[in-house]
């Protein structure tokens, strides 16, 4: 999987992946 970020040039941030199955949190 890939996640491309855009729209904010001068910030630093950690990144995470989440998932959600039907009926689950």
PDBML (XML) file of the C-alpha atoms, coordinates in Angstrom:
<?xml version="1.0" encoding="UTF-8" ?>
<PDBx:datablock datablockName="MODEL"
   xmlns:PDBx="http://pdbml.pdb.org/schema/pdbx-v50.xsd"
   xmlns:xsi="http://www.w3.org/2001/XMLSchema-instance"
   xsi:schemaLocation="http://pdbml.pdb.org/schema/pdbx-v50.xsd pdbx-v50.xsd">
   <PDBx:atom_siteCategory>
      <PDBx:atom_site id="1">
         <PDBx:B_iso_or_equiv>0.00</PDBx:B_iso_or_equiv>
         <PDBx:Cartn_x>0.000</PDBx:Cartn_x>
         <PDBx:Cartn_y>0.000</PDBx:Cartn_y>
         <PDBx:Cartn_z>0.000</PDBx:Cartn_z>
         <PDBx:auth_asym_id>A</PDBx:auth_asym_id>
         <PDBx:auth_atom_id>CA</PDBx:auth_atom_id>
         <PDBx:auth_comp_id>UNK</PDBx:auth_comp_id>
         <PDBx:auth_seq_id>1</PDBx:auth_seq_id>
         <PDBx:group_PDB>ATOM</PDBx:group_PDB>
         <PDBx:label_alt_id xsi:nil="true" />
         <PDBx:label_asym_id>A</PDBx:label_asym_id>
         <PDBx:label_atom_id>CA</PDBx:label_atom_id>
         <PDBx:label_comp_id>UNK</PDBx:label_comp_id>
         <PDBx:label_entity_id>1</PDBx:label_entity_id>
         <PDBx:label_seq_id>1</PDBx:label_seq_id>
         <PDBx:occupancy>1.00</PDBx:occupancy>
         <PDBx:pdbx_PDB_model_num>1</PDBx:pdbx_PDB_model_num>
         <PDBx:type_symbol>C</PDBx:type_symbol>
      </PDBx:atom_site>
      <PDBx:atom_site id="2">
         <PDBx:B_iso_or_equiv>0.00</PDBx:B_iso_or_equiv>
         <PDBx:Cartn_x>1.059</PDBx:Cartn_x>
         <PDBx:Cartn_y>3.572</PDBx:Cartn_y>
         <PDBx:Cartn_z>-0.663</PDBx:Cartn_z>
         <PDBx:auth_asym_id>A</PDBx:auth_asym_id>
         <PDBx:auth_atom_id>CA</PDBx:auth_atom_id>
         <PDBx:auth_comp_id>UNK</PDBx:auth_comp_id>
         <PDBx:auth_seq_id>2</PDBx:auth_seq_id>
         <PDBx:group_PDB>ATOM</PDBx:group_PDB>
         <PDBx:label_alt_id xsi:nil="true" />
         <PDBx:label_asym_id>A</PDBx:label_asym_id>
         <PDBx:label_atom_id>CA</PDBx:label_atom_id>
         <PDBx:label_comp_id>UNK</PDBx:label_comp_id>
         <PDBx:label_entity_id>1</PDBx:label_entity_id>
         <PDBx:label_seq_id>2</PDBx:label_seq_id>
         <PDBx:occupancy>1.00</PDBx:occupancy>
         <PDBx:pdbx_PDB_model_num>1</PDBx:pdbx_PDB_model_num>
         <PDBx:type_symbol>C</PDBx:type_symbol>
      </PDBx:atom_site>
      <PDBx:atom_site id="3">
         <PDBx:B_iso_or_equiv>0.00</PDBx:B_iso_or_equiv>
         <PDBx:Cartn_x>-0.128</PDBx:Cartn_x>
         <PDBx:Cartn_y>6.809</PDBx:Cartn_y>
         <PDBx:Cartn_z>0.877</PDBx:Cartn_z>
         <PDBx:auth_asym_id>A</PDBx:auth_asym_id>
         <PDBx:auth_atom_id>CA</PDBx:auth_atom_id>
         <PDBx:auth_comp_id>UNK</PDBx:auth_comp_id>
         <PDBx:auth_seq_id>3</PDBx:auth_seq_id>
         <PDBx:group_PDB>ATOM</PDBx:group_PDB>
         <PDBx:label_alt_id xsi:nil="true" />
         <PDBx:label_asym_id>A</PDBx:label_asym_id>
         <PDBx:label_atom_id>CA</PDBx:label_atom_id>
         <PDBx:label_comp_id>UNK</PDBx:label_comp_id>
         <PDBx:label_entity_id>1</PDBx:label_entity_id>
         <PDBx:label_seq_id>3</PDBx:label_seq_id>
         <PDBx:occupancy>1.00</PDBx:occupancy>
         <PDBx:pdbx_PDB_model_num>1</PDBx:pdbx_PDB_model_num>
         <PDBx:type_symbol>C</PDBx:type_symbol>
      </PDBx:atom_site>
      <PDBx:atom_site id="4">
         <PDBx:B_iso_or_equiv>0.00</PDBx:B_iso_or_equiv>
         <PDBx:Cartn_x>0.748</PDBx:Cartn_x>
         <PDBx:Cartn_y>10.060</PDBx:Cartn_y>
         <PDBx:Cartn_z>-0.857</PDBx:Cartn_z>
         <PDBx:auth_asym_id>A</PDBx:auth_asym_id>
         <PDBx:auth_atom_id>CA</PDBx:auth_atom_id>
         <PDBx:auth_comp_id>UNK</PDBx:auth_comp_id>
         <PDBx:auth_seq_id>4</PDBx:auth_seq_id>
         <PDBx:group_PDB>ATOM</PDBx:group_PDB>
         <PDBx:label_alt_id xsi:nil="true" />
         <PDBx:label_asym_id>A</PDBx:label_asym_id>
         <PDBx:label_atom_id>CA</PDBx:label_atom_id>
         <PDBx:label_comp_id>UNK</PDBx:label_comp_id>
         <PDBx:label_entity_id>1</PDBx:label_entity_id>
         <PDBx:label_seq_id>4</PDBx:label_seq_id>
         <PDBx:occupancy>1.00</PDBx:occupancy>
         <PDBx:pdbx_PDB_model_num>1</PDBx:pdbx_PDB_model_num>
         <PDBx:type_symbol>C</PDBx:type_symbol>
      </PDBx:atom_site>
      <PDBx:atom_site id="5">
         <PDBx:B_iso_or_equiv>0.00</PDBx:B_iso_or_equiv>
         <PDBx:Cartn_x>0.566</PDBx:Cartn_x>
         <PDBx:Cartn_y>13.281</PDBx:Cartn_y>
         <PDBx:Cartn_z>1.141</PDBx:Cartn_z>
         <PDBx:auth_asym_id>A</PDBx:auth_asym_id>
         <PDBx:auth_atom_id>CA</PDBx:auth_atom_id>
         <PDBx:auth_comp_id>UNK</PDBx:auth_comp_id>
         <PDBx:auth_seq_id>5</PDBx:auth_seq_id>
         <PDBx:group_PDB>ATOM</PDBx:group_PDB>
         <PDBx:label_alt_id xsi:nil="true" />
         <PDBx:label_asym_id>A</PDBx:label_asym_id>
         <PDBx:label_atom_id>CA</PDBx:label_atom_id>
         <PDBx:label_comp_id>UNK</PDBx:label_comp_id>
         <PDBx:label_entity_id>1</PDBx:label_entity_id>
         <PDBx:label_seq_id>5</PDBx:label_seq_id>
         <PDBx:occupancy>1.00</PDBx:occupancy>
         <PDBx:pdbx_PDB_model_num>1</PDBx:pdbx_PDB_model_num>
         <PDBx:type_symbol>C</PDBx:type_symbol>
      </PDBx:atom_site>
      <PDBx:atom_site id="6">
         <PDBx:B_iso_or_equiv>0.00</PDBx:B_iso_or_equiv>
         <PDBx:Cartn_x>0.119</PDBx:Cartn_x>
         <PDBx:Cartn_y>16.760</PDBx:Cartn_y>
         <PDBx:Cartn_z>-0.246</PDBx:Cartn_z>
         <PDBx:auth_asym_id>A</PDBx:auth_asym_id>
         <PDBx:auth_atom_id>CA</PDBx:auth_atom_id>
         <PDBx:auth_comp_id>UNK</PDBx:auth_comp_id>
         <PDBx:auth_seq_id>6</PDBx:auth_seq_id>
         <PDBx:group_PDB>ATOM</PDBx:group_PDB>
         <PDBx:label_alt_id xsi:nil="true" />
         <PDBx:label_asym_id>A</PDBx:label_asym_id>
         <PDBx:label_atom_id>CA</PDBx:label_atom_id>
         <PDBx:label_comp_id>UNK</PDBx:label_comp_id>
         <PDBx:label_entity_id>1</PDBx:label_entity_id>
         <PDBx:label_seq_id>6</PDBx:label_seq_id>
         <PDBx:occupancy>1.00</PDBx:occupancy>
         <PDBx:pdbx_PDB_model_num>1</PDBx:pdbx_PDB_model_num>
         <PDBx:type_symbol>C</PDBx:type_symbol>
      </PDBx:atom_site>
      <PDBx:atom_site id="7">
         <PDBx:B_iso_or_equiv>0.00</PDBx:B_iso_or_equiv>
         <PDBx:Cartn_x>-1.069</PDBx:Cartn_x>
         <PDBx:Cartn_y>20.223</PDBx:Cartn_y>
         <PDBx:Cartn_z>0.714</PDBx:Cartn_z>
         <PDBx:auth_asym_id>A</PDBx:auth_asym_id>
         <PDBx:auth_atom_id>CA</PDBx:auth_atom_id>
         <PDBx:auth_comp_id>UNK</PDBx:auth_comp_id>
         <PDBx:auth_seq_id>7</PDBx:auth_seq_id>
         <PDBx:group_PDB>ATOM</PDBx:group_PDB>
         <PDBx:label_alt_id xsi:nil="true" />
         <PDBx:label_asym_id>A</PDBx:label_asym_id>
         <PDBx:label_atom_id>CA</PDBx:label_atom_id>
         <PDBx:label_comp_id>UNK</PDBx:label_comp_id>
         <PDBx:label_entity_id>1</PDBx:label_entity_id>
         <PDBx:label_seq_id>7</PDBx:label_seq_id>
         <PDBx:occupancy>1.00</PDBx:occupancy>
         <PDBx:pdbx_PDB_model_num>1</PDBx:pdbx_PDB_model_num>
         <PDBx:type_symbol>C</PDBx:type_symbol>
      </PDBx:atom_site>
      <PDBx:atom_site id="8">
         <PDBx:B_iso_or_equiv>0.00</PDBx:B_iso_or_equiv>
         <PDBx:Cartn_x>1.283</PDBx:Cartn_x>
         <PDBx:Cartn_y>21.047</PDBx:Cartn_y>
         <PDBx:Cartn_z>3.581</PDBx:Cartn_z>
         <PDBx:auth_asym_id>A</PDBx:auth_asym_id>
         <PDBx:auth_atom_id>CA</PDBx:auth_atom_id>
         <PDBx:auth_comp_id>UNK</PDBx:auth_comp_id>
         <PDBx:auth_seq_id>8</PDBx:auth_seq_id>
         <PDBx:group_PDB>ATOM</PDBx:group_PDB>
         <PDBx:label_alt_id xsi:nil="true" />
         <PDBx:label_asym_id>A</PDBx:label_asym_id>
         <PDBx:label_atom_id>CA</PDBx:label_atom_id>
         <PDBx:label_comp_id>UNK</PDBx:label_comp_id>
         <PDBx:label_entity_id>1</PDBx:label_entity_id>
         <PDBx:label_seq_id>8</PDBx:label_seq_id>
         <PDBx:occupancy>1.00</PDBx:occupancy>
         <PDBx:pdbx_PDB_model_num>1</PDBx:pdbx_PDB_model_num>
         <PDBx:type_symbol>C</PDBx:type_symbol>
      </PDBx:atom_site>
      <PDBx:atom_site id="9">
         <PDBx:B_iso_or_equiv>0.00</PDBx:B_iso_or_equiv>
         <PDBx:Cartn_x>4.854</PDBx:Cartn_x>
         <PDBx:Cartn_y>21.910</PDBx:Cartn_y>
         <PDBx:Cartn_z>2.868</PDBx:Cartn_z>
         <PDBx:auth_asym_id>A</PDBx:auth_asym_id>
         <PDBx:auth_atom_id>CA</PDBx:auth_atom_id>
         <PDBx:auth_comp_id>UNK</PDBx:auth_comp_id>
         <PDBx:auth_seq_id>9</PDBx:auth_seq_id>
         <PDBx:group_PDB>ATOM</PDBx:group_PDB>
         <PDBx:label_alt_id xsi:nil="true" />
         <PDBx:label_asym_id>A</PDBx:label_asym_id>
         <PDBx:label_atom_id>CA</PDBx:label_atom_id>
         <PDBx:label_comp_id>UNK</PDBx:label_comp_id>
         <PDBx:label_entity_id>1</PDBx:label_entity_id>
         <PDBx:label_seq_id>9</PDBx:label_seq_id>
         <PDBx:occupancy>1.00</PDBx:occupancy>
         <PDBx:pdbx_PDB_model_num>1</PDBx:pdbx_PDB_model_num>
         <PDBx:type_symbol>C</PDBx:type_symbol>
      </PDBx:atom_site>
      <PDBx:atom_site id="10">
         <PDBx:B_iso_or_equiv>0.00</PDBx:B_iso_or_equiv>
         <PDBx:Cartn_x>6.578</PDBx:Cartn_x>
         <PDBx:Cartn_y>22.880</PDBx:Cartn_y>
         <PDBx:Cartn_z>6.107</PDBx:Cartn_z>
         <PDBx:auth_asym_id>A</PDBx:auth_asym_id>
         <PDBx:auth_atom_id>CA</PDBx:auth_atom_id>
         <PDBx:auth_comp_id>UNK</PDBx:auth_comp_id>
         <PDBx:auth_seq_id>10</PDBx:auth_seq_id>
         <PDBx:group_PDB>ATOM</PDBx:group_PDB>
         <PDBx:label_alt_id xsi:nil="true" />
         <PDBx:label_asym_id>A</PDBx:label_asym_id>
         <PDBx:label_atom_id>CA</PDBx:label_atom_id>
         <PDBx:label_comp_id>UNK</PDBx:label_comp_id>
         <PDBx:label_entity_id>1</PDBx:label_entity_id>
         <PDBx:label_seq_id>10</PDBx:label_seq_id>
         <PDBx:occupancy>1.00</PDBx:occupancy>
         <PDBx:pdbx_PDB_model_num>1</PDBx:pdbx_PDB_model_num>
         <PDBx:type_symbol>C</PDBx:type_symbol>
      </PDBx:atom_site>
      <PDBx:atom_site id="11">
         <PDBx:B_iso_or_equiv>0.00</PDBx:B_iso_or_equiv>
         <PDBx:Cartn_x>5.415</PDBx:Cartn_x>
         <PDBx:Cartn_y>20.408</PDBx:Cartn_y>
         <PDBx:Cartn_z>8.703</PDBx:Cartn_z>
         <PDBx:auth_asym_id>A</PDBx:auth_asym_id>
         <PDBx:auth_atom_id>CA</PDBx:auth_atom_id>
         <PDBx:auth_comp_id>UNK</PDBx:auth_comp_id>
         <PDBx:auth_seq_id>11</PDBx:auth_seq_id>
         <PDBx:group_PDB>ATOM</PDBx:group_PDB>
         <PDBx:label_alt_id xsi:nil="true" />
         <PDBx:label_asym_id>A</PDBx:label_asym_id>
         <PDBx:label_atom_id>CA</PDBx:label_atom_id>
         <PDBx:label_comp_id>UNK</PDBx:label_comp_id>
         <PDBx:label_entity_id>1</PDBx:label_entity_id>
         <PDBx:label_seq_id>11</PDBx:label_seq_id>
         <PDBx:occupancy>1.00</PDBx:occupancy>
         <PDBx:pdbx_PDB_model_num>1</PDBx:pdbx_PDB_model_num>
         <PDBx:type_symbol>C</PDBx:type_symbol>
      </PDBx:atom_site>
      <PDBx:atom_site id="12">
         <PDBx:B_iso_or_equiv>0.00</PDBx:B_iso_or_equiv>
         <PDBx:Cartn_x>6.832</PDBx:Cartn_x>
         <PDBx:Cartn_y>17.172</PDBx:Cartn_y>
         <PDBx:Cartn_z>10.068</PDBx:Cartn_z>
         <PDBx:auth_asym_id>A</PDBx:auth_asym_id>
         <PDBx:auth_atom_id>CA</PDBx:auth_atom_id>
         <PDBx:auth_comp_id>UNK</PDBx:auth_comp_id>
         <PDBx:auth_seq_id>12</PDBx:auth_seq_id>
         <PDBx:group_PDB>ATOM</PDBx:group_PDB>
         <PDBx:label_alt_id xsi:nil="true" />
         <PDBx:label_asym_id>A</PDBx:label_asym_id>
         <PDBx:label_atom_id>CA</PDBx:label_atom_id>
         <PDBx:label_comp_id>UNK</PDBx:label_comp_id>
         <PDBx:label_entity_id>1</PDBx:label_entity_id>
         <PDBx:label_seq_id>12</PDBx:label_seq_id>
         <PDBx:occupancy>1.00</PDBx:occupancy>
         <PDBx:pdbx_PDB_model_num>1</PDBx:pdbx_PDB_model_num>
         <PDBx:type_symbol>C</PDBx:type_symbol>
      </PDBx:atom_site>
      <PDBx:atom_site id="13">
         <PDBx:B_iso_or_equiv>0.00</PDBx:B_iso_or_equiv>
         <PDBx:Cartn_x>4.592</PDBx:Cartn_x>
         <PDBx:Cartn_y>14.361</PDBx:Cartn_y>
         <PDBx:Cartn_z>11.158</PDBx:Cartn_z>
         <PDBx:auth_asym_id>A</PDBx:auth_asym_id>
         <PDBx:auth_atom_id>CA</PDBx:auth_atom_id>
         <PDBx:auth_comp_id>UNK</PDBx:auth_comp_id>
         <PDBx:auth_seq_id>13</PDBx:auth_seq_id>
         <PDBx:group_PDB>ATOM</PDBx:group_PDB>
         <PDBx:label_alt_id xsi:nil="true" />
         <PDBx:label_asym_id>A</PDBx:label_asym_id>
         <PDBx:label_atom_id>CA</PDBx:label_atom_id>
         <PDBx:label_comp_id>UNK</PDBx:label_comp_id>
         <PDBx:label_entity_id>1</PDBx:label_entity_id>
         <PDBx:label_seq_id>13</PDBx:label_seq_id>
         <PDBx:occupancy>1.00</PDBx:occupancy>
         <PDBx:pdbx_PDB_model_num>1</PDBx:pdbx_PDB_model_num>
         <PDBx:type_symbol>C</PDBx:type_symbol>
      </PDBx:atom_site>
      <PDBx:atom_site id="14">
         <PDBx:B_iso_or_equiv>0.00</PDBx:B_iso_or_equiv>
         <PDBx:Cartn_x>4.510</PDBx:Cartn_x>
         <PDBx:Cartn_y>10.741</PDBx:Cartn_y>
         <PDBx:Cartn_z>12.071</PDBx:Cartn_z>
         <PDBx:auth_asym_id>A</PDBx:auth_asym_id>
         <PDBx:auth_atom_id>CA</PDBx:auth_atom_id>
         <PDBx:auth_comp_id>UNK</PDBx:auth_comp_id>
         <PDBx:auth_seq_id>14</PDBx:auth_seq_id>
         <PDBx:group_PDB>ATOM</PDBx:group_PDB>
         <PDBx:label_alt_id xsi:nil="true" />
         <PDBx:label_asym_id>A</PDBx:label_asym_id>
         <PDBx:label_atom_id>CA</PDBx:label_atom_id>
         <PDBx:label_comp_id>UNK</PDBx:label_comp_id>
         <PDBx:label_entity_id>1</PDBx:label_entity_id>
         <PDBx:label_seq_id>14</PDBx:label_seq_id>
         <PDBx:occupancy>1.00</PDBx:occupancy>
         <PDBx:pdbx_PDB_model_num>1</PDBx:pdbx_PDB_model_num>
         <PDBx:type_symbol>C</PDBx:type_symbol>
      </PDBx:atom_site>
      <PDBx:atom_site id="15">
         <PDBx:B_iso_or_equiv>0.00</PDBx:B_iso_or_equiv>
         <PDBx:Cartn_x>2.471</PDBx:Cartn_x>
         <PDBx:Cartn_y>8.442</PDBx:Cartn_y>
         <PDBx:Cartn_z>9.885</PDBx:Cartn_z>
         <PDBx:auth_asym_id>A</PDBx:auth_asym_id>
         <PDBx:auth_atom_id>CA</PDBx:auth_atom_id>
         <PDBx:auth_comp_id>UNK</PDBx:auth_comp_id>
         <PDBx:auth_seq_id>15</PDBx:auth_seq_id>
         <PDBx:group_PDB>ATOM</PDBx:group_PDB>
         <PDBx:label_alt_id xsi:nil="true" />
         <PDBx:label_asym_id>A</PDBx:label_asym_id>
         <PDBx:label_atom_id>CA</PDBx:label_atom_id>
         <PDBx:label_comp_id>UNK</PDBx:label_comp_id>
         <PDBx:label_entity_id>1</PDBx:label_entity_id>
         <PDBx:label_seq_id>15</PDBx:label_seq_id>
         <PDBx:occupancy>1.00</PDBx:occupancy>
         <PDBx:pdbx_PDB_model_num>1</PDBx:pdbx_PDB_model_num>
         <PDBx:type_symbol>C</PDBx:type_symbol>
      </PDBx:atom_site>
      <PDBx:atom_site id="16">
         <PDBx:B_iso_or_equiv>0.00</PDBx:B_iso_or_equiv>
         <PDBx:Cartn_x>0.284</PDBx:Cartn_x>
         <PDBx:Cartn_y>5.509</PDBx:Cartn_y>
         <PDBx:Cartn_z>10.741</PDBx:Cartn_z>
         <PDBx:auth_asym_id>A</PDBx:auth_asym_id>
         <PDBx:auth_atom_id>CA</PDBx:auth_atom_id>
         <PDBx:auth_comp_id>UNK</PDBx:auth_comp_id>
         <PDBx:auth_seq_id>16</PDBx:auth_seq_id>
         <PDBx:group_PDB>ATOM</PDBx:group_PDB>
         <PDBx:label_alt_id xsi:nil="true" />
         <PDBx:label_asym_id>A</PDBx:label_asym_id>
         <PDBx:label_atom_id>CA</PDBx:label_atom_id>
         <PDBx:label_comp_id>UNK</PDBx:label_comp_id>
         <PDBx:label_entity_id>1</PDBx:label_entity_id>
         <PDBx:label_seq_id>16</PDBx:label_seq_id>
         <PDBx:occupancy>1.00</PDBx:occupancy>
         <PDBx:pdbx_PDB_model_num>1</PDBx:pdbx_PDB_model_num>
         <PDBx:type_symbol>C</PDBx:type_symbol>
      </PDBx:atom_site>
      <PDBx:atom_site id="17">
         <PDBx:B_iso_or_equiv>0.00</PDBx:B_iso_or_equiv>
         <PDBx:Cartn_x>-1.800</PDBx:Cartn_x>
         <PDBx:Cartn_y>2.827</PDBx:Cartn_y>
         <PDBx:Cartn_z>9.101</PDBx:Cartn_z>
         <PDBx:auth_asym_id>A</PDBx:auth_asym_id>
         <PDBx:auth_atom_id>CA</PDBx:auth_atom_id>
         <PDBx:auth_comp_id>UNK</PDBx:auth_comp_id>
         <PDBx:auth_seq_id>17</PDBx:auth_seq_id>
         <PDBx:group_PDB>ATOM</PDBx:group_PDB>
         <PDBx:label_alt_id xsi:nil="true" />
         <PDBx:label_asym_id>A</PDBx:label_asym_id>
         <PDBx:label_atom_id>CA</PDBx:label_atom_id>
         <PDBx:label_comp_id>UNK</PDBx:label_comp_id>
         <PDBx:label_entity_id>1</PDBx:label_entity_id>
         <PDBx:label_seq_id>17</PDBx:label_seq_id>
         <PDBx:occupancy>1.00</PDBx:occupancy>
         <PDBx:pdbx_PDB_model_num>1</PDBx:pdbx_PDB_model_num>
         <PDBx:type_symbol>C</PDBx:type_symbol>
      </PDBx:atom_site>
      <PDBx:atom_site id="18">
         <PDBx:B_iso_or_equiv>0.00</PDBx:B_iso_or_equiv>
         <PDBx:Cartn_x>-5.160</PDBx:Cartn_x>
         <PDBx:Cartn_y>1.702</PDBx:Cartn_y>
         <PDBx:Cartn_z>10.426</PDBx:Cartn_z>
         <PDBx:auth_asym_id>A</PDBx:auth_asym_id>
         <PDBx:auth_atom_id>CA</PDBx:auth_atom_id>
         <PDBx:auth_comp_id>UNK</PDBx:auth_comp_id>
         <PDBx:auth_seq_id>18</PDBx:auth_seq_id>
         <PDBx:group_PDB>ATOM</PDBx:group_PDB>
         <PDBx:label_alt_id xsi:nil="true" />
         <PDBx:label_asym_id>A</PDBx:label_asym_id>
         <PDBx:label_atom_id>CA</PDBx:label_atom_id>
         <PDBx:label_comp_id>UNK</PDBx:label_comp_id>
         <PDBx:label_entity_id>1</PDBx:label_entity_id>
         <PDBx:label_seq_id>18</PDBx:label_seq_id>
         <PDBx:occupancy>1.00</PDBx:occupancy>
         <PDBx:pdbx_PDB_model_num>1</PDBx:pdbx_PDB_model_num>
         <PDBx:type_symbol>C</PDBx:type_symbol>
      </PDBx:atom_site>
      <PDBx:atom_site id="19">
         <PDBx:B_iso_or_equiv>0.00</PDBx:B_iso_or_equiv>
         <PDBx:Cartn_x>-7.717</PDBx:Cartn_x>
         <PDBx:Cartn_y>-0.762</PDBx:Cartn_y>
         <PDBx:Cartn_z>9.160</PDBx:Cartn_z>
         <PDBx:auth_asym_id>A</PDBx:auth_asym_id>
         <PDBx:auth_atom_id>CA</PDBx:auth_atom_id>
         <PDBx:auth_comp_id>UNK</PDBx:auth_comp_id>
         <PDBx:auth_seq_id>19</PDBx:auth_seq_id>
         <PDBx:group_PDB>ATOM</PDBx:group_PDB>
         <PDBx:label_alt_id xsi:nil="true" />
         <PDBx:label_asym_id>A</PDBx:label_asym_id>
         <PDBx:label_atom_id>CA</PDBx:label_atom_id>
         <PDBx:label_comp_id>UNK</PDBx:label_comp_id>
         <PDBx:label_entity_id>1</PDBx:label_entity_id>
         <PDBx:label_seq_id>19</PDBx:label_seq_id>
         <PDBx:occupancy>1.00</PDBx:occupancy>
         <PDBx:pdbx_PDB_model_num>1</PDBx:pdbx_PDB_model_num>
         <PDBx:type_symbol>C</PDBx:type_symbol>
      </PDBx:atom_site>
      <PDBx:atom_site id="20">
         <PDBx:B_iso_or_equiv>0.00</PDBx:B_iso_or_equiv>
         <PDBx:Cartn_x>-11.412</PDBx:Cartn_x>
         <PDBx:Cartn_y>-1.293</PDBx:Cartn_y>
         <PDBx:Cartn_z>9.637</PDBx:Cartn_z>
         <PDBx:auth_asym_id>A</PDBx:auth_asym_id>
         <PDBx:auth_atom_id>CA</PDBx:auth_atom_id>
         <PDBx:auth_comp_id>UNK</PDBx:auth_comp_id>
         <PDBx:auth_seq_id>20</PDBx:auth_seq_id>
         <PDBx:group_PDB>ATOM</PDBx:group_PDB>
         <PDBx:label_alt_id xsi:nil="true" />
         <PDBx:label_asym_id>A</PDBx:label_asym_id>
         <PDBx:label_atom_id>CA</PDBx:label_atom_id>
         <PDBx:label_comp_id>UNK</PDBx:label_comp_id>
         <PDBx:label_entity_id>1</PDBx:label_entity_id>
         <PDBx:label_seq_id>20</PDBx:label_seq_id>
         <PDBx:occupancy>1.00</PDBx:occupancy>
         <PDBx:pdbx_PDB_model_num>1</PDBx:pdbx_PDB_model_num>
         <PDBx:type_symbol>C</PDBx:type_symbol>
      </PDBx:atom_site>
      <PDBx:atom_site id="21">
         <PDBx:B_iso_or_equiv>0.00</PDBx:B_iso_or_equiv>
         <PDBx:Cartn_x>-13.447</PDBx:Cartn_x>
         <PDBx:Cartn_y>-4.375</PDBx:Cartn_y>
         <PDBx:Cartn_z>8.822</PDBx:Cartn_z>
         <PDBx:auth_asym_id>A</PDBx:auth_asym_id>
         <PDBx:auth_atom_id>CA</PDBx:auth_atom_id>
         <PDBx:auth_comp_id>UNK</PDBx:auth_comp_id>
         <PDBx:auth_seq_id>21</PDBx:auth_seq_id>
         <PDBx:group_PDB>ATOM</PDBx:group_PDB>
         <PDBx:label_alt_id xsi:nil="true" />
         <PDBx:label_asym_id>A</PDBx:label_asym_id>
         <PDBx:label_atom_id>CA</PDBx:label_atom_id>
         <PDBx:label_comp_id>UNK</PDBx:label_comp_id>
         <PDBx:label_entity_id>1</PDBx:label_entity_id>
         <PDBx:label_seq_id>21</PDBx:label_seq_id>
         <PDBx:occupancy>1.00</PDBx:occupancy>
         <PDBx:pdbx_PDB_model_num>1</PDBx:pdbx_PDB_model_num>
         <PDBx:type_symbol>C</PDBx:type_symbol>
      </PDBx:atom_site>
      <PDBx:atom_site id="22">
         <PDBx:B_iso_or_equiv>0.00</PDBx:B_iso_or_equiv>
         <PDBx:Cartn_x>-17.254</PDBx:Cartn_x>
         <PDBx:Cartn_y>-4.300</PDBx:Cartn_y>
         <PDBx:Cartn_z>8.545</PDBx:Cartn_z>
         <PDBx:auth_asym_id>A</PDBx:auth_asym_id>
         <PDBx:auth_atom_id>CA</PDBx:auth_atom_id>
         <PDBx:auth_comp_id>UNK</PDBx:auth_comp_id>
         <PDBx:auth_seq_id>22</PDBx:auth_seq_id>
         <PDBx:group_PDB>ATOM</PDBx:group_PDB>
         <PDBx:label_alt_id xsi:nil="true" />
         <PDBx:label_asym_id>A</PDBx:label_asym_id>
         <PDBx:label_atom_id>CA</PDBx:label_atom_id>
         <PDBx:label_comp_id>UNK</PDBx:label_comp_id>
         <PDBx:label_entity_id>1</PDBx:label_entity_id>
         <PDBx:label_seq_id>22</PDBx:label_seq_id>
         <PDBx:occupancy>1.00</PDBx:occupancy>
         <PDBx:pdbx_PDB_model_num>1</PDBx:pdbx_PDB_model_num>
         <PDBx:type_symbol>C</PDBx:type_symbol>
      </PDBx:atom_site>
      <PDBx:atom_site id="23">
         <PDBx:B_iso_or_equiv>0.00</PDBx:B_iso_or_equiv>
         <PDBx:Cartn_x>-18.842</PDBx:Cartn_x>
         <PDBx:Cartn_y>-4.129</PDBx:Cartn_y>
         <PDBx:Cartn_z>11.960</PDBx:Cartn_z>
         <PDBx:auth_asym_id>A</PDBx:auth_asym_id>
         <PDBx:auth_atom_id>CA</PDBx:auth_atom_id>
         <PDBx:auth_comp_id>UNK</PDBx:auth_comp_id>
         <PDBx:auth_seq_id>23</PDBx:auth_seq_id>
         <PDBx:group_PDB>ATOM</PDBx:group_PDB>
         <PDBx:label_alt_id xsi:nil="true" />
         <PDBx:label_asym_id>A</PDBx:label_asym_id>
         <PDBx:label_atom_id>CA</PDBx:label_atom_id>
         <PDBx:label_comp_id>UNK</PDBx:label_comp_id>
         <PDBx:label_entity_id>1</PDBx:label_entity_id>
         <PDBx:label_seq_id>23</PDBx:label_seq_id>
         <PDBx:occupancy>1.00</PDBx:occupancy>
         <PDBx:pdbx_PDB_model_num>1</PDBx:pdbx_PDB_model_num>
         <PDBx:type_symbol>C</PDBx:type_symbol>
      </PDBx:atom_site>
      <PDBx:atom_site id="24">
         <PDBx:B_iso_or_equiv>0.00</PDBx:B_iso_or_equiv>
         <PDBx:Cartn_x>-15.497</PDBx:Cartn_x>
         <PDBx:Cartn_y>-3.612</PDBx:Cartn_y>
         <PDBx:Cartn_z>13.675</PDBx:Cartn_z>
         <PDBx:auth_asym_id>A</PDBx:auth_asym_id>
         <PDBx:auth_atom_id>CA</PDBx:auth_atom_id>
         <PDBx:auth_comp_id>UNK</PDBx:auth_comp_id>
         <PDBx:auth_seq_id>24</PDBx:auth_seq_id>
         <PDBx:group_PDB>ATOM</PDBx:group_PDB>
         <PDBx:label_alt_id xsi:nil="true" />
         <PDBx:label_asym_id>A</PDBx:label_asym_id>
         <PDBx:label_atom_id>CA</PDBx:label_atom_id>
         <PDBx:label_comp_id>UNK</PDBx:label_comp_id>
         <PDBx:label_entity_id>1</PDBx:label_entity_id>
         <PDBx:label_seq_id>24</PDBx:label_seq_id>
         <PDBx:occupancy>1.00</PDBx:occupancy>
         <PDBx:pdbx_PDB_model_num>1</PDBx:pdbx_PDB_model_num>
         <PDBx:type_symbol>C</PDBx:type_symbol>
      </PDBx:atom_site>
      <PDBx:atom_site id="25">
         <PDBx:B_iso_or_equiv>0.00</PDBx:B_iso_or_equiv>
         <PDBx:Cartn_x>-13.816</PDBx:Cartn_x>
         <PDBx:Cartn_y>-0.615</PDBx:Cartn_y>
         <PDBx:Cartn_z>15.203</PDBx:Cartn_z>
         <PDBx:auth_asym_id>A</PDBx:auth_asym_id>
         <PDBx:auth_atom_id>CA</PDBx:auth_atom_id>
         <PDBx:auth_comp_id>UNK</PDBx:auth_comp_id>
         <PDBx:auth_seq_id>25</PDBx:auth_seq_id>
         <PDBx:group_PDB>ATOM</PDBx:group_PDB>
         <PDBx:label_alt_id xsi:nil="true" />
         <PDBx:label_asym_id>A</PDBx:label_asym_id>
         <PDBx:label_atom_id>CA</PDBx:label_atom_id>
         <PDBx:label_comp_id>UNK</PDBx:label_comp_id>
         <PDBx:label_entity_id>1</PDBx:label_entity_id>
         <PDBx:label_seq_id>25</PDBx:label_seq_id>
         <PDBx:occupancy>1.00</PDBx:occupancy>
         <PDBx:pdbx_PDB_model_num>1</PDBx:pdbx_PDB_model_num>
         <PDBx:type_symbol>C</PDBx:type_symbol>
      </PDBx:atom_site>
   </PDBx:atom_siteCategory>
</PDBx:datablock>
